[in-house]
C-alpha atoms as a PDB file:
ATOM      1  CA  MET A   1     -23.020   9.529   9.287  1.00  0.00           C
ATOM      2  CA  ILE A   2     -22.427   6.346   7.275  1.00  0.00           C
ATOM      3  CA  ALA A   3     -21.215   8.411   4.305  1.00  0.00           C
ATOM      4  CA  ARG A   4     -18.622  10.126   6.518  1.00  0.00           C
ATOM      5  CA  LEU A   5     -17.446   6.785   7.846  1.00  0.00           C
ATOM      6  CA  VAL A   6     -17.094   5.411   4.303  1.00  0.00           C
ATOM      7  CA  LEU A   7     -15.106   8.487   3.234  1.00  0.00           C
ATOM      8  CA  LEU A   8     -12.852   8.143   6.248  1.00  0.00           C
ATOM      9  CA  LEU A   9     -12.222   4.468   5.533  1.00  0.00           C
ATOM     10  CA  LEU A  10     -11.464   5.250   1.888  1.00  0.00           C
ATOM     11  CA  ALA A  11      -9.013   7.945   2.923  1.00  0.00           C
ATOM     12  CA  PHE A  12      -7.119   5.486   5.113  1.00  0.00           C
ATOM     13  CA  ALA A  13      -7.213   2.773   2.438  1.00  0.00           C
ATOM     14  CA  CYS A  14      -5.731   5.138  -0.149  1.00  0.00           C
ATOM     15  CA  SER A  15      -2.959   6.370   2.106  1.00  0.00           C
ATOM     16  CA  SER A  16       0.534   6.105   0.655  1.00  0.00           C
ATOM     17  CA  ALA A  17       2.061   5.544   4.068  1.00  0.00           C
ATOM     18  CA  PRO A  18       4.164   2.389   4.264  1.00  0.00           C
ATOM     19  CA  SER A  19       2.652  -0.583   6.049  1.00  0.00           C
ATOM     20  CA  ARG A  20       5.873  -1.411   7.882  1.00  0.00           C
ATOM     21  CA  PRO A  21       8.182   0.410  10.277  1.00  0.00           C
ATOM     22  CA  LEU A  22      10.701   2.670   8.535  1.00  0.00           C
ATOM     23  CA  SER A  23      14.407   2.704   9.267  1.00  0.00           C
ATOM     24  CA  GLY A  24      16.076   5.996  10.125  1.00  0.00           C
ATOM     25  CA  GLU A  25      17.717   5.967   6.708  1.00  0.00           C
ATOM     26  CA  GLU A  26      14.405   5.491   4.920  1.00  0.00           C
ATOM     27  CA  ARG A  27      12.736   8.215   6.993  1.00  0.00           C
ATOM     28  CA  LEU A  28      15.538  10.607   6.033  1.00  0.00           C
ATOM     29  CA  TYR A  29      15.246   9.592   2.359  1.00  0.00           C
ATOM     30  CA  ARG A  30      11.497  10.208   2.392  1.00  0.00           C
ATOM     31  CA  ALA A  31      11.911  13.550   4.171  1.00  0.00           C
ATOM     32  CA  LYS A  32      14.669  14.853   1.899  1.00  0.00           C
ATOM     33  CA  CYS A  33      13.964  13.204  -1.442  1.00  0.00           C
ATOM     34  CA  THR A  34      10.241  12.801  -1.980  1.00  0.00           C
ATOM     35  CA  SER A  35       8.964  16.356  -1.801  1.00  0.00           C
ATOM     36  CA  CYS A  36       9.701  16.787  -5.526  1.00  0.00           C
ATOM     37  CA  HIS A  37       9.252  13.263  -6.895  1.00  0.00           C
ATOM     38  CA  ARG A  38       7.877   9.862  -5.995  1.00  0.00           C
ATOM     39  CA  ALA A  39       9.692   7.511  -3.661  1.00  0.00           C
ATOM     40  CA  TYR A  40      11.829   5.102  -5.661  1.00  0.00           C
ATOM     41  CA  GLU A  41      12.537   1.588  -4.508  1.00  0.00           C
ATOM     42  CA  PRO A  42      16.160   1.255  -3.409  1.00  0.00           C
ATOM     43  CA  TRP A  43      16.965  -1.528  -5.828  1.00  0.00           C
ATOM     44  CA  ASP A  44      15.439   0.268  -8.879  1.00  0.00           C
ATOM     45  CA  ARG A  45      18.893   1.536  -9.888  1.00  0.00           C
ATOM     46  CA  ASP A  46      22.539   0.841  -9.277  1.00  0.00           C
ATOM     47  CA  ASP A  47      23.844   4.381  -9.850  1.00  0.00           C
ATOM     48  CA  TRP A  48      22.454   6.067  -6.724  1.00  0.00           C
ATOM     49  CA  PRO A  49      25.706   7.837  -5.739  1.00  0.00           C
ATOM     50  CA  ALA A  50      25.863   9.516  -9.165  1.00  0.00           C
ATOM     51  CA  VAL A  51      22.162  10.420  -9.002  1.00  0.00           C
ATOM     52  CA  ILE A  52      22.590  12.084  -5.614  1.00  0.00           C
ATOM     53  CA  ASP A  53      25.756  13.870  -6.743  1.00  0.00           C
ATOM     54  CA  LYS A  54      23.921  15.271  -9.789  1.00  0.00           C
ATOM     55  CA  MET A  55      20.978  16.403  -7.654  1.00  0.00           C
ATOM     56  CA  GLN A  56      23.406  18.225  -5.363  1.00  0.00           C
ATOM     57  CA  ALA A  57      25.402  19.721  -8.265  1.00  0.00           C
ATOM     58  CA  ASP A  58      22.178  21.003  -9.827  1.00  0.00           C
ATOM     59  CA  LYS A  59      21.219  22.523  -6.447  1.00  0.00           C
ATOM     60  CA  LYS A  60      18.068  20.376  -6.290  1.00  0.00           C
ATOM     61  CA  THR A  61      18.949  19.082  -2.834  1.00  0.00           C
ATOM     62  CA  HIS A  62      21.157  20.105   0.039  1.00  0.00           C
ATOM     63  CA  LEU A  63      22.527  17.175   2.016  1.00  0.00           C
ATOM     64  CA  SER A  64      25.232  17.064   4.614  1.00  0.00           C
ATOM     65  CA  PRO A  65      27.859  14.343   4.086  1.00  0.00           C
ATOM     66  CA  GLU A  66      26.204  12.369   6.905  1.00  0.00           C
ATOM     67  CA  GLU A  67      22.737  12.673   5.328  1.00  0.00           C
ATOM     68  CA  ARG A  68      24.117  11.622   1.932  1.00  0.00           C
ATOM     69  CA  ALA A  69      25.748   8.563   3.520  1.00  0.00           C
ATOM     70  CA  GLN A  70      22.544   7.577   5.380  1.00  0.00           C
ATOM     71  CA  ILE A  71      20.403   7.942   2.272  1.00  0.00           C
ATOM     72  CA  LEU A  72      22.847   5.815   0.284  1.00  0.00           C
ATOM     73  CA  VAL A  73      22.692   3.113   2.980  1.00  0.00           C
ATOM     74  CA  PHE A  74      18.958   2.930   2.325  1.00  0.00           C
ATOM     75  CA  LEU A  75      19.109   3.241  -1.481  1.00  0.00           C
ATOM     76  CA  GLN A  76      21.875   0.689  -1.899  1.00  0.00           C
ATOM     77  CA  GLY A  77      20.263  -1.757   0.508  1.00  0.00           C
ATOM     78  CA  THR A  78      19.185  -5.254  -0.374  1.00  0.00           C
ATOM     79  CA  PRO A  79      15.477  -5.881  -0.897  1.00  0.00           C
ATOM     80  CA  GLY A  80      13.774  -8.125   1.618  1.00  0.00           C
ATOM     81  CA  PRO A  81      12.170 -11.416   0.490  1.00  0.00           C
ATOM     82  CA  SER A  82       8.706  -9.847   0.117  1.00  0.00           C
ATOM     83  CA  GLU A  83      10.082  -6.917  -1.903  1.00  0.00           C
ATOM     84  CA  ARG A  84      11.890  -8.833  -4.644  1.00  0.00           C
END
């Protein structure tokens, strides 16, 4: 019984789920963009529009114009004080 409890606690501790509420834009980004690669931090790059355009041109993703715009809102966002 104790071993099962320890395994359960370890599973929760190792979870990659964010520890904060996600915006709609971030939820969409995670749903559409992280099935093939890791989640990148928004401020890791400054060429996100070109990256998304290339992914779409290479047929690696299929985004509506609205989805593309929402994802870019998230990716081009400003990091919060604890994320800098």
